[in-house]
């Protein structure tokens, strides 16, 4: 909820169409990843094992807000080192959030997963999100 509030309140660098497209992509990417790792391989689950309506509510509540915050605040005009530090910062935040969700609440439950496995995954997901954003911008500019 805090993420969604912040996503609404921050100054926007992205157009509404860019935010909408990237939010939908983030939901798709999250549900695809969660259905494979959580559903197919049963490595983790939201709340409890199996697919529940709350899994979708969690995806809708978290991933669009993260995408909007991540992309709107991304230092596009800065040097590469700042971009890498930015991705690293979001990775650390995501790891702490995942750890807290799994260890301090019942929001996220591990079966065979460990937070350490997410270390290489989060930077990759943020880079994929950036790649998608550049595709969206390119498509919009070709009207």
N, C-alpha and C. Protein backbone atom coordinates (compact mmCIF):
# COMPACT_ATOMS: atom_id res chain seq x y z
N UNK A 1 0.81 -1.20 0.00
CA UNK A 1 0.00 0.00 0.00
C UNK A 1 0.85 1.26 0.00
N UNK A 2 1.93 1.22 0.74
CA UNK A 2 2.83 2.37 0.77
C UNK A 2 3.43 2.60 -0.61
N UNK A 3 3.81 1.50 -1.27
CA UNK A 3 4.37 1.61 -2.62
C UNK A 3 3.39 2.21 -3.60
N UNK A 4 2.15 1.80 -3.53
CA UNK A 4 1.12 2.33 -4.43
C UNK A 4 0.90 3.81 -4.16
N UNK A 5 0.86 4.20 -2.89
CA UNK A 5 0.71 5.61 -2.53
C UNK A 5 1.87 6.43 -3.09
N UNK A 6 3.09 5.93 -2.88
CA UNK A 6 4.27 6.64 -3.40
C UNK A 6 4.26 6.73 -4.92
N UNK A 7 3.83 5.65 -5.58
CA UNK A 7 3.77 5.65 -7.04
C UNK A 7 2.82 6.73 -7.56
N UNK A 8 1.75 6.99 -6.82
CA UNK A 8 0.80 8.04 -7.22
C UNK A 8 1.35 9.43 -6.95
N UNK A 9 2.15 9.56 -5.89
CA UNK A 9 2.58 10.88 -5.43
C UNK A 9 3.89 11.40 -6.02
N UNK A 10 4.77 10.53 -6.48
CA UNK A 10 6.06 11.01 -6.96
C UNK A 10 5.91 11.82 -8.23
N UNK A 11 6.85 12.72 -8.48
CA UNK A 11 6.83 13.43 -9.77
C UNK A 11 7.04 12.43 -10.90
N UNK A 12 6.29 12.59 -11.96
CA UNK A 12 6.32 11.62 -13.05
C UNK A 12 7.24 12.09 -14.18
N UNK A 13 8.12 11.20 -14.62
CA UNK A 13 8.95 11.42 -15.80
C UNK A 13 8.39 10.63 -16.98
N UNK A 14 7.57 9.65 -16.68
CA UNK A 14 6.99 8.79 -17.71
C UNK A 14 5.59 9.26 -18.05
N UNK A 15 5.19 9.01 -19.29
CA UNK A 15 3.82 9.32 -19.69
C UNK A 15 2.88 8.28 -19.08
N UNK A 16 1.61 8.57 -19.12
CA UNK A 16 0.62 7.61 -18.61
C UNK A 16 0.66 6.31 -19.41
N UNK A 17 0.83 6.42 -20.71
CA UNK A 17 0.89 5.22 -21.55
C UNK A 17 2.12 4.38 -21.20
N UNK A 18 3.26 5.04 -20.98
CA UNK A 18 4.48 4.32 -20.59
C UNK A 18 4.28 3.62 -19.24
N UNK A 19 3.69 4.32 -18.28
CA UNK A 19 3.46 3.71 -16.96
C UNK A 19 2.47 2.55 -17.06
N UNK A 20 1.43 2.73 -17.84
CA UNK A 20 0.43 1.67 -18.02
C UNK A 20 1.07 0.43 -18.66
N UNK A 21 1.79 0.65 -19.75
CA UNK A 21 2.43 -0.46 -20.46
C UNK A 21 3.44 -1.19 -19.57
N UNK A 22 4.26 -0.44 -18.88
CA UNK A 22 5.28 -1.05 -18.02
C UNK A 22 4.66 -1.72 -16.80
N UNK A 23 3.55 -1.20 -16.31
CA UNK A 23 2.85 -1.84 -15.20
C UNK A 23 2.27 -3.18 -15.63
N UNK A 24 1.63 -3.20 -16.80
CA UNK A 24 1.10 -4.47 -17.31
C UNK A 24 2.21 -5.48 -17.54
N UNK A 25 3.33 -5.02 -18.08
CA UNK A 25 4.46 -5.91 -18.30
C UNK A 25 4.97 -6.46 -16.97
N UNK A 26 5.05 -5.62 -15.95
CA UNK A 26 5.55 -6.07 -14.65
C UNK A 26 4.62 -7.11 -14.03
N UNK A 27 3.32 -6.93 -14.20
CA UNK A 27 2.36 -7.91 -13.69
C UNK A 27 2.55 -9.24 -14.44
N UNK A 28 2.65 -9.15 -15.77
CA UNK A 28 2.85 -10.36 -16.57
C UNK A 28 4.14 -11.07 -16.17
N UNK A 29 5.22 -10.32 -16.07
CA UNK A 29 6.51 -10.91 -15.71
C UNK A 29 6.45 -11.56 -14.32
N UNK A 30 5.82 -10.89 -13.38
CA UNK A 30 5.70 -11.44 -12.02
C UNK A 30 4.86 -12.71 -12.01
N UNK A 31 3.73 -12.68 -12.69
CA UNK A 31 2.86 -13.86 -12.70
C UNK A 31 3.51 -15.02 -13.45
N UNK A 32 4.24 -14.73 -14.51
CA UNK A 32 4.96 -15.77 -15.23
C UNK A 32 6.03 -16.39 -14.33
N UNK A 33 6.83 -15.55 -13.71
CA UNK A 33 7.89 -16.03 -12.82
C UNK A 33 7.30 -16.81 -11.65
N UNK A 34 6.28 -16.24 -11.02
CA UNK A 34 5.68 -16.91 -9.86
C UNK A 34 4.98 -18.21 -10.24
N UNK A 35 4.37 -18.25 -11.43
CA UNK A 35 3.71 -19.49 -11.82
C UNK A 35 4.73 -20.59 -12.11
N UNK A 36 5.88 -20.21 -12.65
CA UNK A 36 6.92 -21.21 -12.89
C UNK A 36 7.63 -21.63 -11.60
N UNK A 37 8.19 -20.65 -10.90
CA UNK A 37 8.98 -20.98 -9.71
C UNK A 37 8.10 -21.40 -8.53
N UNK A 38 7.00 -20.70 -8.35
CA UNK A 38 6.12 -21.01 -7.23
C UNK A 38 5.10 -22.08 -7.54
N UNK A 39 4.49 -21.99 -8.72
CA UNK A 39 3.45 -22.95 -9.08
C UNK A 39 3.98 -24.27 -9.60
N UNK A 40 4.77 -24.20 -10.63
CA UNK A 40 5.29 -25.42 -11.27
C UNK A 40 6.29 -26.16 -10.40
N UNK A 41 7.27 -25.40 -9.88
CA UNK A 41 8.33 -26.05 -9.11
C UNK A 41 8.13 -26.00 -7.60
N UNK A 42 7.07 -25.30 -7.17
CA UNK A 42 6.67 -25.24 -5.76
C UNK A 42 7.82 -24.84 -4.84
N UNK A 43 8.57 -23.82 -5.27
CA UNK A 43 9.70 -23.34 -4.48
C UNK A 43 9.26 -22.34 -3.42
N UNK A 44 8.16 -21.64 -3.67
CA UNK A 44 7.63 -20.66 -2.72
C UNK A 44 6.17 -20.41 -3.03
N UNK A 45 5.52 -19.67 -2.16
CA UNK A 45 4.12 -19.33 -2.38
C UNK A 45 3.80 -18.02 -1.66
N UNK A 46 2.75 -17.36 -2.13
CA UNK A 46 2.19 -16.24 -1.37
C UNK A 46 1.18 -16.85 -0.40
N UNK A 47 1.27 -16.47 0.84
CA UNK A 47 0.38 -16.90 1.90
C UNK A 47 0.43 -18.41 2.15
N UNK A 48 -0.03 -19.20 1.20
CA UNK A 48 0.03 -20.66 1.35
C UNK A 48 0.19 -21.30 -0.03
N UNK A 49 0.66 -22.55 -0.09
CA UNK A 49 0.87 -23.20 -1.40
C UNK A 49 -0.40 -23.25 -2.24
N UNK A 50 -0.23 -23.21 -3.54
CA UNK A 50 -1.35 -23.24 -4.47
C UNK A 50 -1.66 -21.84 -4.97
N UNK A 51 -2.44 -21.78 -6.02
CA UNK A 51 -2.83 -20.50 -6.60
C UNK A 51 -4.12 -20.03 -5.94
N UNK A 52 -4.06 -18.86 -5.38
CA UNK A 52 -5.20 -18.27 -4.69
C UNK A 52 -5.50 -16.90 -5.30
N UNK A 53 -6.69 -16.42 -5.09
CA UNK A 53 -7.06 -15.08 -5.55
C UNK A 53 -6.15 -14.02 -4.94
N UNK A 54 -5.72 -14.25 -3.70
CA UNK A 54 -4.83 -13.30 -3.03
C UNK A 54 -3.48 -13.19 -3.74
N UNK A 55 -3.05 -14.24 -4.43
CA UNK A 55 -1.79 -14.18 -5.19
C UNK A 55 -1.89 -13.08 -6.25
N UNK A 56 -3.03 -13.02 -6.92
CA UNK A 56 -3.23 -12.01 -7.95
C UNK A 56 -3.37 -10.62 -7.34
N UNK A 57 -4.04 -10.54 -6.22
CA UNK A 57 -4.17 -9.26 -5.52
C UNK A 57 -2.79 -8.75 -5.11
N UNK A 58 -1.94 -9.65 -4.64
CA UNK A 58 -0.57 -9.26 -4.26
C UNK A 58 0.19 -8.75 -5.48
N UNK A 59 0.07 -9.45 -6.59
CA UNK A 59 0.77 -9.03 -7.81
C UNK A 59 0.28 -7.66 -8.28
N UNK A 60 -1.02 -7.45 -8.25
CA UNK A 60 -1.58 -6.16 -8.66
C UNK A 60 -1.20 -5.04 -7.72
N UNK A 61 -1.02 -5.36 -6.45
CA UNK A 61 -0.69 -4.35 -5.46
C UNK A 61 0.78 -3.99 -5.41
N UNK A 62 1.64 -4.93 -5.75
CA UNK A 62 3.08 -4.70 -5.59
C UNK A 62 3.76 -4.31 -6.89
N UNK A 63 3.63 -5.12 -7.92
CA UNK A 63 4.48 -4.99 -9.10
C UNK A 63 4.27 -3.72 -9.93
N UNK A 64 3.05 -3.25 -10.17
CA UNK A 64 2.91 -1.98 -10.89
C UNK A 64 3.54 -0.81 -10.12
N UNK A 65 3.36 -0.81 -8.81
CA UNK A 65 3.94 0.28 -8.00
C UNK A 65 5.45 0.25 -8.08
N UNK A 66 6.04 -0.92 -7.98
CA UNK A 66 7.50 -1.04 -8.07
C UNK A 66 7.98 -0.59 -9.46
N UNK A 67 7.29 -1.01 -10.50
CA UNK A 67 7.68 -0.62 -11.86
C UNK A 67 7.62 0.89 -12.03
N UNK A 68 6.55 1.51 -11.57
CA UNK A 68 6.39 2.96 -11.70
C UNK A 68 7.45 3.70 -10.90
N UNK A 69 7.68 3.27 -9.67
CA UNK A 69 8.71 3.92 -8.84
C UNK A 69 10.09 3.73 -9.45
N UNK A 70 10.41 2.50 -9.81
CA UNK A 70 11.73 2.19 -10.35
C UNK A 70 12.01 3.01 -11.61
N UNK A 71 11.07 3.03 -12.55
CA UNK A 71 11.30 3.70 -13.83
C UNK A 71 11.22 5.22 -13.72
N UNK A 72 10.30 5.74 -12.93
CA UNK A 72 10.18 7.19 -12.80
C UNK A 72 11.38 7.82 -12.11
N UNK A 73 12.00 7.08 -11.23
CA UNK A 73 13.14 7.62 -10.49
C UNK A 73 14.48 7.20 -11.08
N UNK A 74 14.45 6.39 -12.13
CA UNK A 74 15.69 5.89 -12.73
C UNK A 74 16.53 7.05 -13.26
N UNK A 75 17.85 7.02 -12.98
CA UNK A 75 18.73 8.11 -13.42
C UNK A 75 19.17 7.97 -14.89
N UNK A 76 18.23 8.10 -15.81
CA UNK A 76 18.50 7.90 -17.23
C UNK A 76 19.63 8.78 -17.76
N UNK A 77 19.76 9.98 -17.25
CA UNK A 77 20.73 10.93 -17.79
C UNK A 77 22.05 10.92 -17.02
N UNK A 78 22.21 10.04 -16.09
CA UNK A 78 23.44 9.95 -15.29
C UNK A 78 24.40 8.96 -15.91
N UNK A 79 25.62 8.95 -15.37
CA UNK A 79 26.64 8.01 -15.82
C UNK A 79 26.24 6.58 -15.46
N UNK A 80 26.87 5.64 -16.14
CA UNK A 80 26.57 4.21 -15.95
C UNK A 80 26.75 3.78 -14.50
N UNK A 81 27.74 4.29 -13.80
CA UNK A 81 27.96 3.87 -12.41
C UNK A 81 26.74 4.21 -11.54
N UNK A 82 26.08 5.34 -11.80
CA UNK A 82 24.89 5.71 -11.03
C UNK A 82 23.71 4.80 -11.37
N UNK A 83 23.63 4.42 -12.62
CA UNK A 83 22.58 3.50 -13.04
C UNK A 83 22.77 2.14 -12.37
N UNK A 84 24.01 1.66 -12.34
CA UNK A 84 24.30 0.38 -11.68
C UNK A 84 24.05 0.45 -10.18
N UNK A 85 24.44 1.56 -9.57
CA UNK A 85 24.18 1.73 -8.13
C UNK A 85 22.68 1.79 -7.85
N UNK A 86 21.94 2.42 -8.74
CA UNK A 86 20.49 2.50 -8.60
C UNK A 86 19.86 1.10 -8.64
N UNK A 87 20.28 0.29 -9.61
CA UNK A 87 19.79 -1.09 -9.71
C UNK A 87 20.21 -1.89 -8.48
N UNK A 88 21.43 -1.69 -8.02
CA UNK A 88 21.90 -2.36 -6.81
C UNK A 88 21.05 -1.96 -5.60
N UNK A 89 20.74 -0.68 -5.49
CA UNK A 89 19.89 -0.20 -4.38
C UNK A 89 18.52 -0.85 -4.40
N UNK A 90 17.90 -0.93 -5.56
CA UNK A 90 16.60 -1.58 -5.69
C UNK A 90 16.70 -3.08 -5.40
N UNK A 91 17.82 -3.67 -5.78
CA UNK A 91 18.03 -5.09 -5.50
C UNK A 91 18.11 -5.32 -4.00
N UNK A 92 18.88 -4.50 -3.31
CA UNK A 92 19.00 -4.62 -1.84
C UNK A 92 17.64 -4.42 -1.19
N UNK A 93 16.92 -3.38 -1.62
CA UNK A 93 15.57 -3.14 -1.08
C UNK A 93 14.67 -4.37 -1.30
N UNK A 94 14.70 -4.92 -2.51
CA UNK A 94 13.85 -6.08 -2.84
C UNK A 94 14.21 -7.29 -2.00
N UNK A 95 15.50 -7.51 -1.79
CA UNK A 95 15.94 -8.64 -0.97
C UNK A 95 15.48 -8.48 0.47
N UNK A 96 15.59 -7.27 1.00
CA UNK A 96 15.13 -7.02 2.38
C UNK A 96 13.61 -7.21 2.47
N UNK A 97 12.90 -6.70 1.48
CA UNK A 97 11.44 -6.85 1.45
C UNK A 97 11.06 -8.33 1.39
N UNK A 98 11.73 -9.08 0.52
CA UNK A 98 11.45 -10.52 0.41
C UNK A 98 11.76 -11.24 1.72
N UNK A 99 12.92 -10.94 2.28
CA UNK A 99 13.32 -11.57 3.54
C UNK A 99 12.30 -11.27 4.64
N UNK A 100 11.88 -10.02 4.75
CA UNK A 100 10.90 -9.64 5.77
C UNK A 100 9.55 -10.29 5.51
N UNK A 101 9.15 -10.36 4.24
CA UNK A 101 7.86 -10.98 3.89
C UNK A 101 7.85 -12.47 4.21
N UNK A 102 9.00 -13.11 4.07
CA UNK A 102 9.09 -14.55 4.33
C UNK A 102 9.38 -14.85 5.80
N UNK A 103 10.20 -14.02 6.42
CA UNK A 103 10.63 -14.33 7.78
C UNK A 103 9.83 -13.69 8.88
N UNK A 104 9.24 -12.54 8.60
CA UNK A 104 8.55 -11.79 9.65
C UNK A 104 7.04 -11.76 9.49
N UNK A 105 6.54 -12.35 8.40
CA UNK A 105 5.09 -12.38 8.18
C UNK A 105 4.74 -13.67 7.46
N UNK A 106 3.47 -13.86 7.21
CA UNK A 106 3.03 -15.05 6.47
C UNK A 106 2.71 -14.71 5.02
N UNK A 107 3.12 -13.51 4.58
CA UNK A 107 2.82 -13.07 3.22
C UNK A 107 3.50 -13.96 2.18
N UNK A 108 4.72 -14.37 2.47
CA UNK A 108 5.53 -15.13 1.52
C UNK A 108 6.08 -16.34 2.25
N UNK A 109 5.87 -17.52 1.70
CA UNK A 109 6.38 -18.73 2.36
C UNK A 109 7.31 -19.47 1.42
N UNK A 110 8.43 -19.90 1.98
CA UNK A 110 9.41 -20.67 1.22
C UNK A 110 9.15 -22.16 1.45
N UNK A 111 9.37 -22.95 0.41
CA UNK A 111 9.43 -24.40 0.58
C UNK A 111 10.86 -24.83 0.29
N UNK A 112 11.34 -24.61 -0.93
CA UNK A 112 12.72 -24.95 -1.28
C UNK A 112 13.53 -23.71 -1.65
N UNK A 113 12.97 -22.55 -1.51
CA UNK A 113 13.62 -21.31 -1.91
C UNK A 113 14.34 -20.68 -0.73
N UNK A 114 15.37 -19.93 -1.03
CA UNK A 114 16.09 -19.14 -0.03
C UNK A 114 16.29 -17.74 -0.61
N UNK A 115 16.28 -16.74 0.24
CA UNK A 115 16.44 -15.36 -0.22
C UNK A 115 17.71 -15.19 -1.05
N UNK A 116 18.75 -15.90 -0.71
CA UNK A 116 20.02 -15.78 -1.43
C UNK A 116 19.88 -16.13 -2.91
N UNK A 117 18.91 -16.99 -3.23
CA UNK A 117 18.69 -17.35 -4.64
C UNK A 117 18.20 -16.14 -5.45
N UNK A 118 17.60 -15.19 -4.78
CA UNK A 118 17.05 -14.01 -5.46
C UNK A 118 18.11 -12.97 -5.79
N UNK A 119 19.31 -13.10 -5.24
CA UNK A 119 20.36 -12.11 -5.46
C UNK A 119 20.62 -11.87 -6.95
N UNK A 120 20.82 -12.89 -7.78
CA UNK A 120 21.04 -12.60 -9.21
C UNK A 120 19.75 -12.31 -9.98
N UNK A 121 18.62 -12.70 -9.43
CA UNK A 121 17.35 -12.56 -10.15
C UNK A 121 16.85 -11.12 -10.16
N UNK A 122 16.92 -10.43 -9.02
CA UNK A 122 16.39 -9.06 -8.98
C UNK A 122 17.09 -8.11 -9.97
N UNK A 123 18.43 -8.08 -10.03
CA UNK A 123 19.03 -7.18 -11.03
C UNK A 123 18.59 -7.53 -12.45
N UNK A 124 18.48 -8.82 -12.74
CA UNK A 124 18.03 -9.25 -14.05
C UNK A 124 16.61 -8.75 -14.33
N UNK A 125 15.72 -8.87 -13.36
CA UNK A 125 14.34 -8.41 -13.54
C UNK A 125 14.29 -6.89 -13.76
N UNK A 126 15.11 -6.14 -13.03
CA UNK A 126 15.13 -4.68 -13.22
C UNK A 126 15.68 -4.31 -14.60
N UNK A 127 16.66 -5.05 -15.06
CA UNK A 127 17.22 -4.80 -16.40
C UNK A 127 16.19 -5.15 -17.47
N UNK A 128 15.46 -6.24 -17.28
CA UNK A 128 14.39 -6.61 -18.22
C UNK A 128 13.32 -5.52 -18.22
N UNK A 129 13.01 -4.98 -17.06
CA UNK A 129 12.02 -3.90 -16.97
C UNK A 129 12.51 -2.67 -17.75
N UNK A 130 13.78 -2.34 -17.64
CA UNK A 130 14.35 -1.22 -18.41
C UNK A 130 14.31 -1.50 -19.91
N UNK A 131 14.64 -2.72 -20.29
CA UNK A 131 14.59 -3.11 -21.70
C UNK A 131 13.17 -2.95 -22.24
N UNK A 132 12.20 -3.41 -21.49
CA UNK A 132 10.81 -3.27 -21.89
C UNK A 132 10.43 -1.79 -22.02
N UNK A 133 10.87 -0.97 -21.08
CA UNK A 133 10.57 0.46 -21.13
C UNK A 133 11.12 1.08 -22.43
N UNK A 134 12.32 0.70 -22.81
CA UNK A 134 12.90 1.23 -24.05
C UNK A 134 12.11 0.77 -25.27
N UNK A 135 11.61 -0.44 -25.26
CA UNK A 135 10.76 -0.93 -26.35
C UNK A 135 9.47 -0.12 -26.40
N UNK A 136 8.86 0.12 -25.25
CA UNK A 136 7.62 0.91 -25.19
C UNK A 136 7.87 2.31 -25.74
N UNK A 137 8.95 2.94 -25.32
CA UNK A 137 9.27 4.29 -25.81
C UNK A 137 9.45 4.29 -27.33
N UNK A 138 10.12 3.28 -27.84
CA UNK A 138 10.35 3.17 -29.28
C UNK A 138 9.02 2.99 -30.03
N UNK A 139 8.16 2.15 -29.50
CA UNK A 139 6.85 1.93 -30.13
C UNK A 139 6.01 3.20 -30.10
N UNK A 140 6.05 3.93 -29.01
CA UNK A 140 5.27 5.16 -28.91
C UNK A 140 5.79 6.21 -29.89
N UNK A 141 7.10 6.27 -30.08
CA UNK A 141 7.67 7.28 -30.98
C UNK A 141 7.42 6.96 -32.45
N UNK A 142 6.98 5.74 -32.76
CA UNK A 142 6.69 5.35 -34.14
C UNK A 142 5.21 5.47 -34.47
N UNK A 143 4.51 6.36 -33.84
CA UNK A 143 3.07 6.54 -34.09
C UNK A 143 2.83 6.90 -35.54
